[in-house]
């Protein structure tokens, strides 16, 4: 993993990459070898904190399954809005499809 750190208004931050994607953003400073991917991400974060950038263009590892769904929902929140976890969970676009039958109608075979 490669790392690049930057100073921000909320304190030092460290980006972690796997060479192709950003896999983590951590609080604190960790010295490491930067790559163009991470250097570009640091520049975008600095521009965001300077109020010059609203939307990021970053190669992110969003994970799979529920983790990916949560990260997509978080990324879709417009700037300046702060919906609650409950609001996001109630949104039909983020609900998981029910599978199988309700428990009372499940047939058991012996």
PDB file of N, CA and C in Angstrom:
ATOM      1  N   UNK A   1       0.832  -1.179   0.000  1.00  0.00           N
ATOM      2  CA  UNK A   1       0.000   0.000   0.000  1.00  0.00           C
ATOM      3  C   UNK A   1       0.883   1.252   0.000  1.00  0.00           C
ATOM      4  N   UNK A   2       0.413   2.259  -0.687  1.00  0.00           N
ATOM      5  CA  UNK A   2       1.132   3.528  -0.719  1.00  0.00           C
ATOM      6  C   UNK A   2       0.341   4.557   0.086  1.00  0.00           C
ATOM      7  N   UNK A   3       1.043   5.565   0.567  1.00  0.00           N
ATOM      8  CA  UNK A   3       0.416   6.584   1.404  1.00  0.00           C
ATOM      9  C   UNK A   3       0.880   7.977   0.993  1.00  0.00           C
ATOM     10  N   UNK A   4      -0.024   8.936   1.172  1.00  0.00           N
ATOM     11  CA  UNK A   4       0.319  10.339   0.979  1.00  0.00           C
ATOM     12  C   UNK A   4      -0.457  11.135   2.020  1.00  0.00           C
ATOM     13  N   UNK A   5       0.222  12.073   2.678  1.00  0.00           N
ATOM     14  CA  UNK A   5      -0.410  12.858   3.737  1.00  0.00           C
ATOM     15  C   UNK A   5      -0.528  14.314   3.337  1.00  0.00           C
ATOM     16  N   UNK A   6      -1.487  14.998   3.940  1.00  0.00           N
ATOM     17  CA  UNK A   6      -1.676  16.421   3.703  1.00  0.00           C
ATOM     18  C   UNK A   6      -2.219  17.067   4.960  1.00  0.00           C
ATOM     19  N   UNK A   7      -1.996  18.357   5.091  1.00  0.00           N
ATOM     20  CA  UNK A   7      -2.576  19.134   6.178  1.00  0.00           C
ATOM     21  C   UNK A   7      -3.908  19.676   5.698  1.00  0.00           C
ATOM     22  N   UNK A   8      -4.903  19.635   6.575  1.00  0.00           N
ATOM     23  CA  UNK A   8      -6.227  20.119   6.216  1.00  0.00           C
ATOM     24  C   UNK A   8      -6.786  20.931   7.376  1.00  0.00           C
ATOM     25  N   UNK A   9      -7.891  21.648   7.158  1.00  0.00           N
ATOM     26  CA  UNK A   9      -8.502  22.416   8.241  1.00  0.00           C
ATOM     27  C   UNK A   9      -8.995  21.538   9.394  1.00  0.00           C
ATOM     28  N   UNK A  10      -9.182  20.244   9.152  1.00  0.00           N
ATOM     29  CA  UNK A  10      -9.638  19.337  10.210  1.00  0.00           C
ATOM     30  C   UNK A  10      -8.490  18.510  10.773  1.00  0.00           C
ATOM     31  N   UNK A  11      -7.268  18.890  10.431  1.00  0.00           N
ATOM     32  CA  UNK A  11      -6.090  18.186  10.924  1.00  0.00           C
ATOM     33  C   UNK A  11      -5.409  17.392   9.822  1.00  0.00           C
ATOM     34  N   UNK A  12      -4.281  16.753  10.129  1.00  0.00           N
ATOM     35  CA  UNK A  12      -3.573  15.989   9.107  1.00  0.00           C
ATOM     36  C   UNK A  12      -4.388  14.782   8.650  1.00  0.00           C
ATOM     37  N   UNK A  13      -4.331  14.506   7.350  1.00  0.00           N
ATOM     38  CA  UNK A  13      -5.030  13.366   6.746  1.00  0.00           C
ATOM     39  C   UNK A  13      -4.043  12.545   5.937  1.00  0.00           C
ATOM     40  N   UNK A  14      -4.273  11.245   5.882  1.00  0.00           N
ATOM     41  CA  UNK A  14      -3.444  10.358   5.079  1.00  0.00           C
ATOM     42  C   UNK A  14      -4.330   9.548   4.156  1.00  0.00           C
ATOM     43  N   UNK A  15      -4.024   9.588   2.863  1.00  0.00           N
ATOM     44  CA  UNK A  15      -4.693   8.759   1.867  1.00  0.00           C
ATOM     45  C   UNK A  15      -3.888   7.486   1.687  1.00  0.00           C
ATOM     46  N   UNK A  16      -4.582   6.361   1.550  1.00  0.00           N
ATOM     47  CA  UNK A  16      -3.940   5.071   1.336  1.00  0.00           C
ATOM     48  C   UNK A  16      -4.444   4.521   0.008  1.00  0.00           C
ATOM     49  N   UNK A  17      -3.519   4.068  -0.840  1.00  0.00           N
ATOM     50  CA  UNK A  17      -3.890   3.525  -2.138  1.00  0.00           C
ATOM     51  C   UNK A  17      -3.270   2.170  -2.380  1.00  0.00           C
ATOM     52  N   UNK A  18      -3.887   1.406  -3.287  1.00  0.00           N
ATOM     53  CA  UNK A  18      -3.351   0.094  -3.649  1.00  0.00           C
ATOM     54  C   UNK A  18      -2.663   0.118  -5.013  1.00  0.00           C
ATOM     55  N   UNK A  19      -2.447   1.309  -5.548  1.00  0.00           N
ATOM     56  CA  UNK A  19      -1.824   1.452  -6.860  1.00  0.00           C
ATOM     57  C   UNK A  19      -2.830   1.799  -7.941  1.00  0.00           C
ATOM     58  N   UNK A  20      -4.070   1.323  -7.786  1.00  0.00           N
ATOM     59  CA  UNK A  20      -5.109   1.596  -8.780  1.00  0.00           C
ATOM     60  C   UNK A  20      -6.259   2.420  -8.204  1.00  0.00           C
ATOM     61  N   UNK A  21      -6.492   2.274  -6.884  1.00  0.00           N
ATOM     62  CA  UNK A  21      -7.628   2.946  -6.246  1.00  0.00           C
ATOM     63  C   UNK A  21      -7.227   3.447  -4.864  1.00  0.00           C
ATOM     64  N   UNK A  22      -8.027   4.392  -4.372  1.00  0.00           N
ATOM     65  CA  UNK A  22      -7.873   4.851  -2.996  1.00  0.00           C
ATOM     66  C   UNK A  22      -8.684   3.894  -2.136  1.00  0.00           C
ATOM     67  N   UNK A  23      -8.051   3.349  -1.109  1.00  0.00           N
ATOM     68  CA  UNK A  23      -8.728   2.367  -0.269  1.00  0.00           C
ATOM     69  C   UNK A  23      -9.053   2.901   1.126  1.00  0.00           C
ATOM     70  N   UNK A  24      -8.447   4.019   1.524  1.00  0.00           N
ATOM     71  CA  UNK A  24      -8.733   4.563   2.854  1.00  0.00           C
ATOM     72  C   UNK A  24      -8.321   6.020   2.941  1.00  0.00           C
ATOM     73  N   UNK A  25      -9.008   6.746   3.805  1.00  0.00           N
ATOM     74  CA  UNK A  25      -8.650   8.106   4.202  1.00  0.00           C
ATOM     75  C   UNK A  25      -8.602   8.081   5.714  1.00  0.00           C
ATOM     76  N   UNK A  26      -7.434   8.345   6.274  1.00  0.00           N
ATOM     77  CA  UNK A  26      -7.242   8.222   7.716  1.00  0.00           C
ATOM     78  C   UNK A  26      -6.864   9.566   8.329  1.00  0.00           C
ATOM     79  N   UNK A  27      -7.258   9.728   9.565  1.00  0.00           N
ATOM     80  CA  UNK A  27      -6.872  10.908  10.321  1.00  0.00           C
ATOM     81  C   UNK A  27      -5.442  10.715  10.802  1.00  0.00           C
ATOM     82  N   UNK A  28      -4.648  11.770  10.711  1.00  0.00           N
ATOM     83  CA  UNK A  28      -3.261  11.703  11.149  1.00  0.00           C
ATOM     84  C   UNK A  28      -2.306  11.682   9.973  1.00  0.00           C
ATOM     85  N   UNK A  29      -1.052  11.833  10.304  1.00  0.00           N
ATOM     86  CA  UNK A  29      -0.018  11.883   9.268  1.00  0.00           C
ATOM     87  C   UNK A  29       0.820  10.609   9.337  1.00  0.00           C
ATOM     88  N   UNK A  30       0.959   9.956   8.191  1.00  0.00           N
ATOM     89  CA  UNK A  30       1.823   8.784   8.068  1.00  0.00           C
ATOM     90  C   UNK A  30       2.684   9.013   6.838  1.00  0.00           C
ATOM     91  N   UNK A  31       3.957   9.047   7.026  1.00  0.00           N
ATOM     92  CA  UNK A  31       4.848   9.269   5.895  1.00  0.00           C
ATOM     93  C   UNK A  31       4.858   8.021   5.015  1.00  0.00           C
ATOM     94  N   UNK A  32       4.937   8.243   3.751  1.00  0.00           N
ATOM     95  CA  UNK A  32       4.974   7.132   2.807  1.00  0.00           C
ATOM     96  C   UNK A  32       5.285   7.619   1.419  1.00  0.00           C
ATOM     97  N   UNK A  33       5.327   6.685   0.529  1.00  0.00           N
ATOM     98  CA  UNK A  33       5.642   6.958  -0.871  1.00  0.00           C
ATOM     99  C   UNK A  33       4.355   7.313  -1.607  1.00  0.00           C
ATOM    100  N   UNK A  34       4.309   8.487  -2.197  1.00  0.00           N
ATOM    101  CA  UNK A  34       3.133   8.896  -2.947  1.00  0.00           C
ATOM    102  C   UNK A  34       3.190   8.434  -4.390  1.00  0.00           C
ATOM    103  N   UNK A  35       2.059   8.350  -5.013  1.00  0.00           N
ATOM    104  CA  UNK A  35       1.923   8.021  -6.427  1.00  0.00           C
ATOM    105  C   UNK A  35       1.090   9.112  -7.081  1.00  0.00           C
ATOM    106  N   UNK A  36       1.128   9.222  -8.400  1.00  0.00           N
ATOM    107  CA  UNK A  36       0.297  10.241  -9.057  1.00  0.00           C
ATOM    108  C   UNK A  36      -1.176  10.166  -8.640  1.00  0.00           C
ATOM    109  N   UNK A  37      -1.699   8.946  -8.442  1.00  0.00           N
ATOM    110  CA  UNK A  37      -3.091   8.783  -8.007  1.00  0.00           C
ATOM    111  C   UNK A  37      -3.319   9.505  -6.684  1.00  0.00           C
ATOM    112  N   UNK A  38      -2.440   9.278  -5.725  1.00  0.00           N
ATOM    113  CA  UNK A  38      -2.598   9.886  -4.409  1.00  0.00           C
ATOM    114  C   UNK A  38      -2.285  11.371  -4.428  1.00  0.00           C
ATOM    115  N   UNK A  39      -1.279  11.774  -5.214  1.00  0.00           N
ATOM    116  CA  UNK A  39      -0.961  13.193  -5.326  1.00  0.00           C
ATOM    117  C   UNK A  39      -2.145  13.960  -5.903  1.00  0.00           C
ATOM    118  N   UNK A  40      -2.808  13.380  -6.899  1.00  0.00           N
ATOM    119  CA  UNK A  40      -4.000  14.002  -7.491  1.00  0.00           C
ATOM    120  C   UNK A  40      -5.146  14.079  -6.498  1.00  0.00           C
ATOM    121  N   UNK A  41      -5.303  13.038  -5.693  1.00  0.00           N
ATOM    122  CA  UNK A  41      -6.355  13.029  -4.680  1.00  0.00           C
ATOM    123  C   UNK A  41      -6.080  14.085  -3.612  1.00  0.00           C
ATOM    124  N   UNK A  42      -4.818  14.220  -3.209  1.00  0.00           N
ATOM    125  CA  UNK A  42      -4.448  15.267  -2.238  1.00  0.00           C
ATOM    126  C   UNK A  42      -4.766  16.645  -2.796  1.00  0.00           C
ATOM    127  N   UNK A  43      -4.471  16.859  -4.072  1.00  0.00           N
ATOM    128  CA  UNK A  43      -4.765  18.152  -4.705  1.00  0.00           C
ATOM    129  C   UNK A  43      -6.267  18.416  -4.709  1.00  0.00           C
ATOM    130  N   UNK A  44      -7.077  17.386  -4.979  1.00  0.00           N
ATOM    131  CA  UNK A  44      -8.529  17.569  -4.966  1.00  0.00           C
ATOM    132  C   UNK A  44      -9.036  17.868  -3.559  1.00  0.00           C
ATOM    133  N   UNK A  45      -8.496  17.193  -2.557  1.00  0.00           N
ATOM    134  CA  UNK A  45      -8.902  17.470  -1.179  1.00  0.00           C
ATOM    135  C   UNK A  45      -8.551  18.900  -0.781  1.00  0.00           C
ATOM    136  N   UNK A  46      -7.353  19.343  -1.141  1.00  0.00           N
ATOM    137  CA  UNK A  46      -6.952  20.724  -0.844  1.00  0.00           C
ATOM    138  C   UNK A  46      -7.884  21.719  -1.527  1.00  0.00           C
ATOM    139  N   UNK A  47      -8.233  21.469  -2.791  1.00  0.00           N
ATOM    140  CA  UNK A  47      -9.155  22.345  -3.516  1.00  0.00           C
ATOM    141  C   UNK A  47     -10.536  22.335  -2.850  1.00  0.00           C
ATOM    142  N   UNK A  48     -10.965  21.179  -2.367  1.00  0.00           N
ATOM    143  CA  UNK A  48     -12.255  21.090  -1.671  1.00  0.00           C
ATOM    144  C   UNK A  48     -12.240  21.937  -0.398  1.00  0.00           C
ATOM    145  N   UNK A  49     -11.173  21.806   0.395  1.00  0.00           N
ATOM    146  CA  UNK A  49     -11.083  22.576   1.641  1.00  0.00           C
ATOM    147  C   UNK A  49     -10.934  24.072   1.370  1.00  0.00           C
ATOM    148  N   UNK A  50     -10.444  24.453   0.187  1.00  0.00           N
ATOM    149  CA  UNK A  50     -10.342  25.862  -0.204  1.00  0.00           C
ATOM    150  C   UNK A  50     -11.618  26.360  -0.889  1.00  0.00           C
ATOM    151  N   UNK A  51     -12.671  25.527  -0.908  1.00  0.00           N
ATOM    152  CA  UNK A  51     -13.971  25.850  -1.519  1.00  0.00           C
ATOM    153  C   UNK A  51     -13.872  26.072  -3.025  1.00  0.00           C
ATOM    154  N   UNK A  52     -12.936  25.398  -3.674  1.00  0.00           N
ATOM    155  CA  UNK A  52     -12.797  25.505  -5.127  1.00  0.00           C
ATOM    156  C   UNK A  52     -13.284  24.239  -5.833  1.00  0.00           C
ATOM    157  N   UNK A  53     -13.672  23.206  -5.091  1.00  0.00           N
ATOM    158  CA  UNK A  53     -14.085  21.934  -5.683  1.00  0.00           C
ATOM    159  C   UNK A  53     -15.270  21.385  -4.907  1.00  0.00           C
ATOM    160  N   UNK A  54     -16.321  20.993  -5.639  1.00  0.00           N
ATOM    161  CA  UNK A  54     -17.502  20.423  -5.010  1.00  0.00           C
ATOM    162  C   UNK A  54     -17.571  18.917  -5.254  1.00  0.00           C
ATOM    163  N   UNK A  55     -17.296  18.493  -6.464  1.00  0.00           N
ATOM    164  CA  UNK A  55     -17.394  17.071  -6.828  1.00  0.00           C
ATOM    165  C   UNK A  55     -15.991  16.508  -7.063  1.00  0.00           C
ATOM    166  N   UNK A  56     -15.745  15.355  -6.478  1.00  0.00           N
ATOM    167  CA  UNK A  56     -14.449  14.699  -6.628  1.00  0.00           C
ATOM    168  C   UNK A  56     -14.454  13.761  -7.826  1.00  0.00           C
ATOM    169  N   UNK A  57     -13.295  13.583  -8.416  1.00  0.00           N
ATOM    170  CA  UNK A  57     -13.100  12.611  -9.500  1.00  0.00           C
ATOM    171  C   UNK A  57     -11.948  11.699  -9.061  1.00  0.00           C
ATOM    172  N   UNK A  58     -12.293  10.698  -8.252  1.00  0.00           N
ATOM    173  CA  UNK A  58     -11.283   9.834  -7.662  1.00  0.00           C
ATOM    174  C   UNK A  58     -11.598   8.363  -7.943  1.00  0.00           C
ATOM    175  N   UNK A  59     -10.566   7.578  -8.117  1.00  0.00           N
ATOM    176  CA  UNK A  59     -10.726   6.127  -8.253  1.00  0.00           C
ATOM    177  C   UNK A  59     -10.784   5.547  -6.842  1.00  0.00           C
ATOM    178  N   UNK A  60     -11.989   5.139  -6.418  1.00  0.00           N
ATOM    179  CA  UNK A  60     -12.183   4.656  -5.059  1.00  0.00           C
ATOM    180  C   UNK A  60     -12.496   3.173  -5.046  1.00  0.00           C
ATOM    181  N   UNK A  61     -12.039   2.504  -4.004  1.00  0.00           N
ATOM    182  CA  UNK A  61     -12.443   1.123  -3.754  1.00  0.00           C
ATOM    183  C   UNK A  61     -13.701   1.214  -2.907  1.00  0.00           C
ATOM    184  N   UNK A  62     -14.859   0.965  -3.501  1.00  0.00           N
ATOM    185  CA  UNK A  62     -16.129   1.100  -2.787  1.00  0.00           C
ATOM    186  C   UNK A  62     -16.532  -0.180  -2.069  1.00  0.00           C
ATOM    187  N   UNK A  63     -15.762  -1.240  -2.190  1.00  0.00           N
ATOM    188  CA  UNK A  63     -16.104  -2.488  -1.522  1.00  0.00           C
ATOM    189  C   UNK A  63     -17.159  -3.251  -2.300  1.00  0.00           C
ATOM    190  N   UNK A  64     -17.848  -4.142  -1.603  1.00  0.00           N
ATOM    191  CA  UNK A  64     -18.892  -4.957  -2.219  1.00  0.00           C
ATOM    192  C   UNK A  64     -20.116  -4.993  -1.317  1.00  0.00           C
ATOM    193  N   UNK A  65     -21.213  -5.439  -1.873  1.00  0.00           N
ATOM    194  CA  UNK A  65     -22.435  -5.646  -1.110  1.00  0.00           C
ATOM    195  C   UNK A  65     -22.920  -4.408  -0.385  1.00  0.00           C
ATOM    196  N   UNK A  66     -23.228  -4.599   0.905  1.00  0.00           N
ATOM    197  CA  UNK A  66     -23.779  -3.513   1.706  1.00  0.00           C
ATOM    198  C   UNK A  66     -22.797  -2.354   1.834  1.00  0.00           C
ATOM    199  N   UNK A  67     -21.504  -2.654   1.975  1.00  0.00           N
ATOM    200  CA  UNK A  67     -20.507  -1.579   2.069  1.00  0.00           C
ATOM    201  C   UNK A  67     -20.545  -0.701   0.820  1.00  0.00           C
ATOM    202  N   UNK A  68     -20.628  -1.311  -0.340  1.00  0.00           N
ATOM    203  CA  UNK A  68     -20.670  -0.542  -1.585  1.00  0.00           C
ATOM    204  C   UNK A  68     -21.950   0.291  -1.664  1.00  0.00           C
ATOM    205  N   UNK A  69     -23.076  -0.279  -1.237  1.00  0.00           N
ATOM    206  CA  UNK A  69     -24.349   0.452  -1.274  1.00  0.00           C
ATOM    207  C   UNK A  69     -24.312   1.667  -0.354  1.00  0.00           C
ATOM    208  N   UNK A  70     -23.739   1.508   0.822  1.00  0.00           N
ATOM    209  CA  UNK A  70     -23.640   2.625   1.762  1.00  0.00           C
ATOM    210  C   UNK A  70     -22.728   3.707   1.199  1.00  0.00           C
ATOM    211  N   UNK A  71     -21.624   3.318   0.602  1.00  0.00           N
ATOM    212  CA  UNK A  71     -20.695   4.306   0.044  1.00  0.00           C
ATOM    213  C   UNK A  71     -21.306   5.039  -1.145  1.00  0.00           C
ATOM    214  N   UNK A  72     -22.073   4.323  -1.982  1.00  0.00           N
ATOM    215  CA  UNK A  72     -22.753   4.997  -3.103  1.00  0.00           C
ATOM    216  C   UNK A  72     -23.780   5.988  -2.572  1.00  0.00           C
ATOM    217  N   UNK A  73     -24.540   5.595  -1.551  1.00  0.00           N
ATOM    218  CA  UNK A  73     -25.553   6.487  -0.977  1.00  0.00           C
ATOM    219  C   UNK A  73     -24.895   7.717  -0.365  1.00  0.00           C
ATOM    220  N   UNK A  74     -23.777   7.527   0.295  1.00  0.00           N
ATOM    221  CA  UNK A  74     -23.055   8.652   0.889  1.00  0.00           C
ATOM    222  C   UNK A  74     -22.535   9.594  -0.189  1.00  0.00           C
ATOM    223  N   UNK A  75     -22.007   9.036  -1.266  1.00  0.00           N
ATOM    224  CA  UNK A  75     -21.469   9.859  -2.356  1.00  0.00           C
ATOM    225  C   UNK A  75     -22.569  10.646  -3.073  1.00  0.00           C
ATOM    226  N   UNK A  76     -23.807  10.163  -3.002  1.00  0.00           N
ATOM    227  CA  UNK A  76     -24.917  10.823  -3.701  1.00  0.00           C
ATOM    228  C   UNK A  76     -25.526  11.975  -2.905  1.00  0.00           C
ATOM    229  N   UNK A  77     -25.075  12.187  -1.674  1.00  0.00           N
ATOM    230  CA  UNK A  77     -25.619  13.285  -0.856  1.00  0.00           C
ATOM    231  C   UNK A  77     -25.114  14.609  -1.429  1.00  0.00           C
ATOM    232  N   UNK A  78     -26.033  15.507  -1.775  1.00  0.00           N
ATOM    233  CA  UNK A  78     -25.614  16.798  -2.345  1.00  0.00           C
ATOM    234  C   UNK A  78     -24.832  17.630  -1.328  1.00  0.00           C
ATOM    235  N   UNK A  79     -23.944  18.484  -1.817  1.00  0.00           N
ATOM    236  CA  UNK A  79     -23.177  19.356  -0.913  1.00  0.00           C
ATOM    237  C   UNK A  79     -24.109  20.196  -0.047  1.00  0.00           C
ATOM    238  N   UNK A  80     -23.771  20.309   1.222  1.00  0.00           N
ATOM    239  CA  UNK A  80     -24.551  21.118   2.152  1.00  0.00           C
ATOM    240  C   UNK A  80     -25.694  20.396   2.821  1.00  0.00           C
ATOM    241  N   UNK A  81     -26.029  19.194   2.382  1.00  0.00           N
ATOM    242  CA  UNK A  81     -27.107  18.431   3.001  1.00  0.00           C
ATOM    243  C   UNK A  81     -26.522  17.424   3.977  1.00  0.00           C
ATOM    244  N   UNK A  82     -27.291  17.144   5.034  1.00  0.00           N
ATOM    245  CA  UNK A  82     -26.833  16.195   6.045  1.00  0.00           C
ATOM    246  C   UNK A  82     -27.974  15.257   6.433  1.00  0.00           C
ATOM    247  N   UNK A  83     -28.350  14.330   5.544  1.00  0.00           N
ATOM    248  CA  UNK A  83     -29.426  13.399   5.897  1.00  0.00           C
ATOM    249  C   UNK A  83     -28.965  12.432   6.990  1.00  0.00           C
ATOM    250  N   UNK A  84     -29.916  11.956   7.771  1.00  0.00           N
ATOM    251  CA  UNK A  84     -29.592  11.009   8.832  1.00  0.00           C
ATOM    252  C   UNK A  84     -29.429   9.610   8.242  1.00  0.00           C
ATOM    253  N   UNK A  85     -28.860   8.718   9.039  1.00  0.00           N
ATOM    254  CA  UNK A  85     -28.758   7.323   8.609  1.00  0.00           C
ATOM    255  C   UNK A  85     -30.146   6.747   8.354  1.00  0.00           C
ATOM    256  N   UNK A  86     -31.102   7.112   9.215  1.00  0.00           N
ATOM    257  CA  UNK A  86     -32.464   6.628   9.052  1.00  0.00           C
ATOM    258  C   UNK A  86     -33.095   7.090   7.752  1.00  0.00           C
ATOM    259  N   UNK A  87     -32.847   8.353   7.382  1.00  0.00           N
ATOM    260  CA  UNK A  87     -33.378   8.883   6.125  1.00  0.00           C
ATOM    261  C   UNK A  87     -32.843   8.079   4.937  1.00  0.00           C
ATOM    262  N   UNK A  88     -31.567   7.800   4.946  1.00  0.00           N
ATOM    263  CA  UNK A  88     -30.970   7.022   3.856  1.00  0.00           C
ATOM    264  C   UNK A  88     -31.529   5.603   3.857  1.00  0.00           C
ATOM    265  N   UNK A  89     -31.680   5.000   5.031  1.00  0.00           N
ATOM    266  CA  UNK A  89     -32.178   3.621   5.117  1.00  0.00           C
ATOM    267  C   UNK A  89     -33.621   3.510   4.646  1.00  0.00           C
ATOM    268  N   UNK A  90     -34.434   4.563   4.864  1.00  0.00           N
ATOM    269  CA  UNK A  90     -35.838   4.524   4.433  1.00  0.00           C
ATOM    270  C   UNK A  90     -36.011   4.777   2.946  1.00  0.00           C
ATOM    271  N   UNK A  91     -35.004   5.286   2.279  1.00  0.00           N
ATOM    272  CA  UNK A  91     -35.091   5.569   0.845  1.00  0.00           C
ATOM    273  C   UNK A  91     -35.242   4.244   0.091  1.00  0.00           C
ATOM    274  N   UNK A  92     -36.332   4.089  -0.669  1.00  0.00           N
ATOM    275  CA  UNK A  92     -36.543   2.827  -1.389  1.00  0.00           C
ATOM    276  C   UNK A  92     -35.384   2.449  -2.323  1.00  0.00           C
ATOM    277  N   UNK A  93     -34.653   3.419  -2.799  1.00  0.00           N
ATOM    278  CA  UNK A  93     -33.531   3.113  -3.697  1.00  0.00           C
ATOM    279  C   UNK A  93     -32.416   2.371  -2.977  1.00  0.00           C
ATOM    280  N   UNK A  94     -32.388   2.442  -1.642  1.00  0.00           N
ATOM    281  CA  UNK A  94     -31.314   1.809  -0.889  1.00  0.00           C
ATOM    282  C   UNK A  94     -31.753   0.570  -0.128  1.00  0.00           C
ATOM    283  N   UNK A  95     -33.013   0.212  -0.241  1.00  0.00           N
ATOM    284  CA  UNK A  95     -33.492  -0.969   0.478  1.00  0.00           C
ATOM    285  C   UNK A  95     -33.101  -2.234  -0.260  1.00  0.00           C
ATOM    286  N   UNK A  96     -32.807  -3.244   0.513  1.00  0.00           N
ATOM    287  CA  UNK A  96     -32.500  -4.541  -0.078  1.00  0.00           C
ATOM    288  C   UNK A  96     -33.806  -5.231  -0.428  1.00  0.00           C
ATOM    289  N   UNK A  97     -33.793  -5.940  -1.536  1.00  0.00           N
ATOM    290  CA  UNK A  97     -34.982  -6.656  -1.971  1.00  0.00           C
ATOM    291  C   UNK A  97     -35.239  -7.825  -1.031  1.00  0.00           C
ATOM    292  N   UNK A  98     -36.520  -7.984  -0.615  1.00  0.00           N
ATOM    293  CA  UNK A  98     -36.861  -9.094   0.263  1.00  0.00           C
ATOM    294  C   UNK A  98     -36.761 -10.401  -0.509  1.00  0.00           C
ATOM    295  N   UNK A  99     -36.192 -11.389   0.108  1.00  0.00           N
ATOM    296  CA  UNK A  99     -36.024 -12.684  -0.536  1.00  0.00           C
ATOM    297  C   UNK A  99     -36.802 -13.742   0.235  1.00  0.00           C
ATOM    298  N   UNK A 100     -37.280 -14.720  -0.469  1.00  0.00           N
ATOM    299  CA  UNK A 100     -37.975 -15.832   0.182  1.00  0.00           C
ATOM    300  C   UNK A 100     -39.378 -15.462   0.603  1.00  0.00           C
ATOM    301  N   UNK A 101     -39.955 -16.309   1.401  1.00  0.00           N
ATOM    302  CA  UNK A 101     -41.316 -16.089   1.890  1.00  0.00           C
ATOM    303  C   UNK A 101     -41.279 -15.567   3.310  1.00  0.00           C
ATOM    304  N   UNK A 102     -42.359 -14.916   3.732  1.00  0.00           N
ATOM    305  CA  UNK A 102     -42.438 -14.526   5.141  1.00  0.00           C
ATOM    306  C   UNK A 102     -42.346 -15.768   6.023  1.00  0.00           C
ATOM    307  N   UNK A 103     -41.819 -15.612   7.214  1.00  0.00           N
ATOM    308  CA  UNK A 103     -41.558 -16.760   8.090  1.00  0.00           C
ATOM    309  C   UNK A 103     -42.810 -17.595   8.353  1.00  0.00           C
ATOM    310  N   UNK A 104     -43.965 -16.976   8.465  1.00  0.00           N
ATOM    311  CA  UNK A 104     -45.194 -17.719   8.745  1.00  0.00           C
ATOM    312  C   UNK A 104     -45.649 -18.613   7.607  1.00  0.00           C
ATOM    313  N   UNK A 105     -45.154 -18.413   6.428  1.00  0.00           N
ATOM    314  CA  UNK A 105     -45.596 -19.190   5.264  1.00  0.00           C
ATOM    315  C   UNK A 105     -44.515 -20.137   4.772  1.00  0.00           C
ATOM    316  N   UNK A 106     -43.429 -20.254   5.488  1.00  0.00           N
ATOM    317  CA  UNK A 106     -42.359 -21.140   5.059  1.00  0.00           C
ATOM    318  C   UNK A 106     -42.800 -22.581   5.268  1.00  0.00           C
ATOM    319  N   UNK A 107     -42.668 -23.388   4.257  1.00  0.00           N
ATOM    320  CA  UNK A 107     -43.044 -24.795   4.349  1.00  0.00           C
ATOM    321  C   UNK A 107     -41.843 -25.624   4.729  1.00  0.00           C
ATOM    322  N   UNK A 108     -42.048 -26.491   5.685  1.00  0.00           N
ATOM    323  CA  UNK A 108     -40.982 -27.408   6.082  1.00  0.00           C
ATOM    324  C   UNK A 108     -41.337 -28.800   5.584  1.00  0.00           C
ATOM    325  N   UNK A 109     -40.391 -29.482   5.055  1.00  0.00           N
ATOM    326  CA  UNK A 109     -40.616 -30.856   4.597  1.00  0.00           C
ATOM    327  C   UNK A 109     -39.824 -31.792   5.488  1.00  0.00           C
ATOM    328  N   UNK A 110     -40.416 -32.912   5.762  1.00  0.00           N
ATOM    329  CA  UNK A 110     -39.683 -33.883   6.578  1.00  0.00           C
ATOM    330  C   UNK A 110     -39.348 -35.116   5.782  1.00  0.00           C
TER     331      UNK A 110
END
